[in-house]
């Protein structure tokens, strides 16, 4: 049966909550990345991200992307889930930039997409007689897509293998501004909370709906619920702030540091430094 507006939104919200909870379980597995100290994890993956951004050879980028897949396997992440989580977003963002590069980059033509009898001019714009894909354009597009895919893969690998609280604690130890860490922590926590609130709103609406309603009525109800959600978020922010002050909040977060550098952390850091050096000297 065709889902209505409320059912679709309820299904998508529930799916987002389930995916978030499901992805959070990977951080507790006994894998390669999970065994590393979170500080070493962040520093090493940041170094690999910088190398990925500086790489100028498609072979190097492919090798780095292959490294992310190997790391995902040894971290006991489902490979298909990992690949899907990365490539689901790349066509939307990288494709918008990469596709025009196929045609506007000058070079040797390898494939003719369209051919006209003569060029067309529209004021300051013009369409050439032939729209072709050039070898240089294809290489540039491939470089961009692989760079984005590799960078996103390293980021996803860090997020999936590190519990959120440990990630924030590691950032604090690495001298990231405390106020920014506090904002990130509360944002993450209350996004989850308000997603469940939205799910409850739509579930209540669906459970009381006995017949189909017009789309305009659904849109009106949605507008009213958005207002209710804004009001709830405002009241909750005040309540949380007052609760923090009543419990001794002094605007300086205190985090217990129980991290310890072990032999595996030193070995991984040495391997990462060696890889960064080899990629750098290779151009």
Protein backbone atom coordinates (compact mmCIF):
# COMPACT_ATOMS: atom_id res chain seq x y z
CA UNK A 1 0.00 0.00 0.00
CA UNK A 2 1.13 3.53 -0.73
CA UNK A 3 2.26 5.27 2.44
CA UNK A 4 0.88 8.67 3.31
CA UNK A 5 2.90 11.66 4.46
CA UNK A 6 2.72 10.80 8.17
CA UNK A 7 3.60 7.13 7.65
CA UNK A 8 6.60 7.98 5.49
CA UNK A 9 7.96 10.46 8.02
CA UNK A 10 7.40 8.02 10.89
CA UNK A 11 9.21 5.26 9.01
CA UNK A 12 12.17 7.50 8.15
CA UNK A 13 12.46 8.80 11.73
CA UNK A 14 12.36 5.29 13.18
CA UNK A 15 14.94 4.14 10.64
CA UNK A 16 17.28 7.01 11.57
CA UNK A 17 17.02 6.14 15.28
CA UNK A 18 17.62 2.44 14.63
CA UNK A 19 20.63 3.15 12.42
CA UNK A 20 22.12 5.40 15.09
CA UNK A 21 21.68 2.76 17.82
CA UNK A 22 22.91 -0.03 15.51
CA UNK A 23 26.01 1.90 14.47
CA UNK A 24 26.86 2.65 18.10
CA UNK A 25 27.34 -1.07 18.83
CA UNK A 26 30.40 -1.34 16.58
CA UNK A 27 32.51 0.66 19.04
CA UNK A 28 32.23 -2.14 21.61
CA UNK A 29 33.62 -4.85 19.33
CA UNK A 30 37.09 -6.27 19.84
CA UNK A 31 38.66 -4.98 16.64
CA UNK A 32 41.85 -3.26 15.54
CA UNK A 33 40.69 0.35 15.83
CA UNK A 34 38.69 -0.31 18.99
CA UNK A 35 41.85 -1.49 20.78
CA UNK A 36 43.72 1.73 20.09
CA UNK A 37 43.76 4.67 22.47
CA UNK A 38 41.16 7.20 21.23
CA UNK A 39 43.82 9.93 21.12
CA UNK A 40 46.04 7.79 18.89
CA UNK A 41 43.00 6.98 16.77
CA UNK A 42 42.21 10.64 16.19
CA UNK A 43 45.81 11.71 15.53
CA UNK A 44 46.54 8.86 13.12
CA UNK A 45 43.32 9.23 11.15
CA UNK A 46 43.79 13.00 11.02
CA UNK A 47 47.27 12.47 9.57
CA UNK A 48 45.86 10.08 6.98
CA UNK A 49 43.15 12.62 6.13
CA UNK A 50 45.78 15.30 5.52
CA UNK A 51 47.77 12.92 3.31
CA UNK A 52 44.59 12.11 1.38
CA UNK A 53 43.99 15.80 0.74
CA UNK A 54 47.56 16.32 -0.45
CA UNK A 55 47.80 13.23 -2.69
CA UNK A 56 48.05 14.01 -6.41
CA UNK A 57 48.11 10.48 -7.83
CA UNK A 58 44.98 8.39 -8.42
CA UNK A 59 46.92 5.23 -7.56
CA UNK A 60 47.85 6.59 -4.15
CA UNK A 61 44.23 7.52 -3.46
CA UNK A 62 43.04 4.06 -4.49
CA UNK A 63 45.64 2.50 -2.19
CA UNK A 64 44.52 4.70 0.72
CA UNK A 65 40.89 3.79 0.05
CA UNK A 66 41.87 0.13 0.02
CA UNK A 67 43.55 0.73 3.38
CA UNK A 68 40.24 1.98 4.81
CA UNK A 69 38.54 -1.25 3.71
CA UNK A 70 41.28 -3.35 5.32
CA UNK A 71 40.99 -1.32 8.52
CA UNK A 72 37.21 -1.77 8.49
CA UNK A 73 37.55 -5.56 8.13
CA UNK A 74 40.11 -5.81 10.96
CA UNK A 75 37.87 -3.56 13.08
CA UNK A 76 35.08 -6.09 12.62
CA UNK A 77 32.79 -3.75 10.73
CA UNK A 78 30.42 -5.26 8.13
CA UNK A 79 32.16 -4.41 4.86
CA UNK A 80 28.98 -3.87 2.85
CA UNK A 81 27.51 -1.67 5.57
CA UNK A 82 30.72 0.37 5.69
CA UNK A 83 30.88 0.82 1.90
CA UNK A 84 27.19 1.70 1.68
CA UNK A 85 27.48 4.24 4.48
CA UNK A 86 30.26 6.03 2.56
CA UNK A 87 29.05 5.83 -1.02
CA UNK A 88 25.45 6.75 -0.21
CA UNK A 89 26.47 10.41 0.13
CA UNK A 90 29.32 10.75 -2.36
CA UNK A 91 27.14 10.92 -5.52
CA UNK A 92 25.14 13.77 -4.00
CA UNK A 93 28.05 16.03 -3.03
CA UNK A 94 31.07 15.01 -5.10
CA UNK A 95 29.01 14.20 -8.20
CA UNK A 96 27.69 17.75 -8.45
CA UNK A 97 31.26 19.00 -8.91
CA UNK A 98 32.79 15.97 -10.63
CA UNK A 99 30.27 15.66 -13.47
CA UNK A 100 30.84 19.17 -14.90
CA UNK A 101 34.60 18.56 -14.73
CA UNK A 102 34.16 15.79 -17.28
CA UNK A 103 33.11 18.30 -19.93
CA UNK A 104 34.73 21.64 -19.07
CA UNK A 105 38.29 20.36 -18.51
CA UNK A 106 40.27 20.88 -21.72
CA UNK A 107 42.17 17.93 -23.11
CA UNK A 108 42.05 14.95 -25.41
CA UNK A 109 38.42 13.94 -26.22
CA UNK A 110 37.57 10.31 -25.54
CA UNK A 111 33.76 10.26 -25.88
CA UNK A 112 31.25 12.52 -27.64
CA UNK A 113 28.06 13.03 -25.64
CA UNK A 114 26.19 15.45 -27.95
CA UNK A 115 26.89 16.88 -31.37
CA UNK A 116 25.23 19.93 -32.95
CA UNK A 117 25.34 21.38 -36.43
CA UNK A 118 26.87 24.57 -35.08
CA UNK A 119 27.66 26.27 -31.76
CA UNK A 120 24.79 27.99 -29.94
CA UNK A 121 25.13 31.30 -28.13
CA UNK A 122 22.83 32.58 -25.37
CA UNK A 123 24.09 36.01 -24.35
CA UNK A 124 27.31 35.51 -22.37
CA UNK A 125 26.85 31.72 -22.49
CA UNK A 126 27.62 29.41 -25.38
CA UNK A 127 27.28 25.73 -26.19
CA UNK A 128 30.06 24.28 -28.32
CA UNK A 129 29.46 22.26 -31.44
CA UNK A 130 30.38 19.07 -29.63
CA UNK A 131 30.04 18.20 -25.96
CA UNK A 132 32.75 15.69 -25.20
CA UNK A 133 34.31 13.95 -22.23
CA UNK A 134 38.05 14.50 -22.12
CA UNK A 135 40.67 12.20 -20.68
CA UNK A 136 41.92 14.98 -18.42
CA UNK A 137 38.36 15.68 -17.27
CA UNK A 138 37.73 12.02 -16.46
CA UNK A 139 41.00 11.91 -14.51
CA UNK A 140 40.08 15.06 -12.56
CA UNK A 141 36.62 13.71 -11.75
CA UNK A 142 38.04 10.37 -10.64
CA UNK A 143 40.59 12.13 -8.43
CA UNK A 144 37.87 14.20 -6.78
CA UNK A 145 35.54 11.26 -6.18
CA UNK A 146 38.31 9.05 -4.79
CA UNK A 147 39.62 11.83 -2.55
CA UNK A 148 36.15 12.44 -1.13
CA UNK A 149 35.46 8.71 -0.76
CA UNK A 150 38.74 8.09 1.07
CA UNK A 151 38.33 11.11 3.36
CA UNK A 152 34.76 10.17 4.24
CA UNK A 153 35.84 6.56 4.84
CA UNK A 154 38.45 7.62 7.39
CA UNK A 155 35.87 9.82 9.13
CA UNK A 156 33.23 7.07 9.20
CA UNK A 157 35.82 4.61 10.47
CA UNK A 158 36.61 6.92 13.40
CA UNK A 159 32.96 7.52 14.28
CA UNK A 160 31.92 3.85 14.06
CA UNK A 161 34.81 2.53 16.16
CA UNK A 162 34.79 5.19 18.91
CA UNK A 163 32.08 5.75 21.46
CA UNK A 164 30.89 9.35 21.43
CA UNK A 165 31.87 10.11 25.02
CA UNK A 166 35.39 8.73 24.49
CA UNK A 167 35.73 10.72 21.29
CA UNK A 168 34.81 13.94 23.08
CA UNK A 169 37.12 13.11 25.99
CA UNK A 170 40.00 12.49 23.58
CA UNK A 171 39.34 15.82 21.86
CA UNK A 172 39.45 17.53 25.27
CA UNK A 173 42.79 15.88 26.10
CA UNK A 174 44.10 17.04 22.73
CA UNK A 175 43.36 20.66 23.79
CA UNK A 176 40.25 21.25 21.72
CA UNK A 177 38.24 24.20 23.16
CA UNK A 178 36.13 22.96 26.05
CA UNK A 179 33.08 25.02 25.10
CA UNK A 180 33.05 23.44 21.64
CA UNK A 181 33.24 19.96 23.15
CA UNK A 182 30.35 20.81 25.46
CA UNK A 183 28.26 22.06 22.53
CA UNK A 184 29.00 18.90 20.53
CA UNK A 185 28.11 16.64 23.47
CA UNK A 186 24.79 18.33 24.19
CA UNK A 187 23.91 18.63 20.50
CA UNK A 188 24.45 14.91 19.93
CA UNK A 189 22.48 13.98 23.04
CA UNK A 190 19.48 16.16 22.31
CA UNK A 191 19.31 15.34 18.62
CA UNK A 192 18.63 11.76 19.74
CA UNK A 193 16.10 12.94 22.31
CA UNK A 194 14.17 15.16 19.90
CA UNK A 195 14.18 12.46 17.22
CA UNK A 196 12.37 10.22 19.68
CA UNK A 197 10.00 13.09 20.50
CA UNK A 198 9.20 13.54 16.79
CA UNK A 199 8.70 9.79 16.44
CA UNK A 200 6.22 9.88 19.32
CA UNK A 201 4.32 12.79 17.75
CA UNK A 202 3.93 11.05 14.40
CA UNK A 203 3.08 7.72 16.04
CA UNK A 204 0.33 9.39 18.08
CA UNK A 205 -1.01 11.05 14.93
CA UNK A 206 -0.97 7.77 13.01
CA UNK A 207 -2.63 5.78 15.79
CA UNK A 208 -5.57 8.23 15.88
CA UNK A 209 -6.03 8.42 12.10
CA UNK A 210 -8.90 6.23 10.90
CA UNK A 211 -9.16 7.47 7.31
CA UNK A 212 -7.10 9.22 4.69
CA UNK A 213 -6.71 12.98 5.05
CA UNK A 214 -5.81 15.65 2.57
CA UNK A 215 -2.18 16.57 2.08
CA UNK A 216 -2.92 20.17 3.06
CA UNK A 217 -4.23 18.97 6.42
CA UNK A 218 -1.06 16.96 7.00
CA UNK A 219 1.05 20.00 6.16
CA UNK A 220 -0.96 22.16 8.57
CA UNK A 221 -0.55 19.57 11.31
CA UNK A 222 3.18 19.39 10.60
CA UNK A 223 3.52 23.17 10.89
CA UNK A 224 1.78 23.11 14.27
CA UNK A 225 4.02 20.25 15.48
CA UNK A 226 7.11 22.16 14.46
CA UNK A 227 5.96 25.02 16.65
CA UNK A 228 5.37 22.61 19.54
CA UNK A 229 8.84 21.10 19.06
CA UNK A 230 10.48 24.53 19.08
CA UNK A 231 8.65 25.39 22.29
CA UNK A 232 9.70 22.10 23.88
CA UNK A 233 13.33 22.60 22.91
CA UNK A 234 13.34 26.12 24.36
CA UNK A 235 11.78 25.01 27.65
CA UNK A 236 14.10 22.02 27.87
CA UNK A 237 17.19 24.17 27.32
CA UNK A 238 16.17 26.39 30.23
CA UNK A 239 15.37 23.38 32.45
CA UNK A 240 18.68 21.70 31.64
CA UNK A 241 20.62 24.90 32.31
CA UNK A 242 18.92 25.40 35.67
CA UNK A 243 19.51 21.74 36.56
CA UNK A 244 23.22 22.09 35.71
CA UNK A 245 23.56 25.21 37.86
CA UNK A 246 21.73 23.58 40.79
CA UNK A 247 24.23 20.71 40.65
CA UNK A 248 27.27 22.95 40.81
CA UNK A 249 27.98 23.72 37.15
CA UNK A 250 30.78 26.26 36.89
CA UNK A 251 31.02 26.53 33.07
CA UNK A 252 34.17 24.39 33.09
CA UNK A 253 33.56 20.75 32.11
CA UNK A 254 35.51 18.18 34.12
CA UNK A 255 36.42 14.97 32.38
CA UNK A 256 38.23 12.07 34.01
CA UNK A 257 41.21 10.98 31.91
CA UNK A 258 41.67 7.20 32.01
CA UNK A 259 43.51 6.86 28.70
CA UNK A 260 46.78 4.96 28.63
CA UNK A 261 49.25 4.59 25.75
CA UNK A 262 50.13 0.92 25.21
CA UNK A 263 52.49 -0.98 22.93
CA UNK A 264 49.85 -1.40 20.21
CA UNK A 265 49.29 2.37 20.19
CA UNK A 266 53.01 3.07 19.70
CA UNK A 267 53.21 0.46 16.95
CA UNK A 268 50.18 1.87 15.15
CA UNK A 269 51.51 5.42 15.44
CA UNK A 270 54.86 4.30 13.97
CA UNK A 271 53.13 2.51 11.09
CA UNK A 272 50.99 5.58 10.39
CA UNK A 273 54.02 7.88 10.42
CA UNK A 274 55.85 5.54 8.02
CA UNK A 275 52.87 5.44 5.68
CA UNK A 276 52.49 9.21 5.74
CA UNK A 277 56.21 9.58 4.95
CA UNK A 278 56.04 7.10 2.03
CA UNK A 279 52.96 8.75 0.53
CA UNK A 280 54.52 12.22 0.92
CA UNK A 281 57.80 11.34 -0.83
CA UNK A 282 55.91 9.50 -3.59
CA UNK A 283 54.38 12.83 -4.64
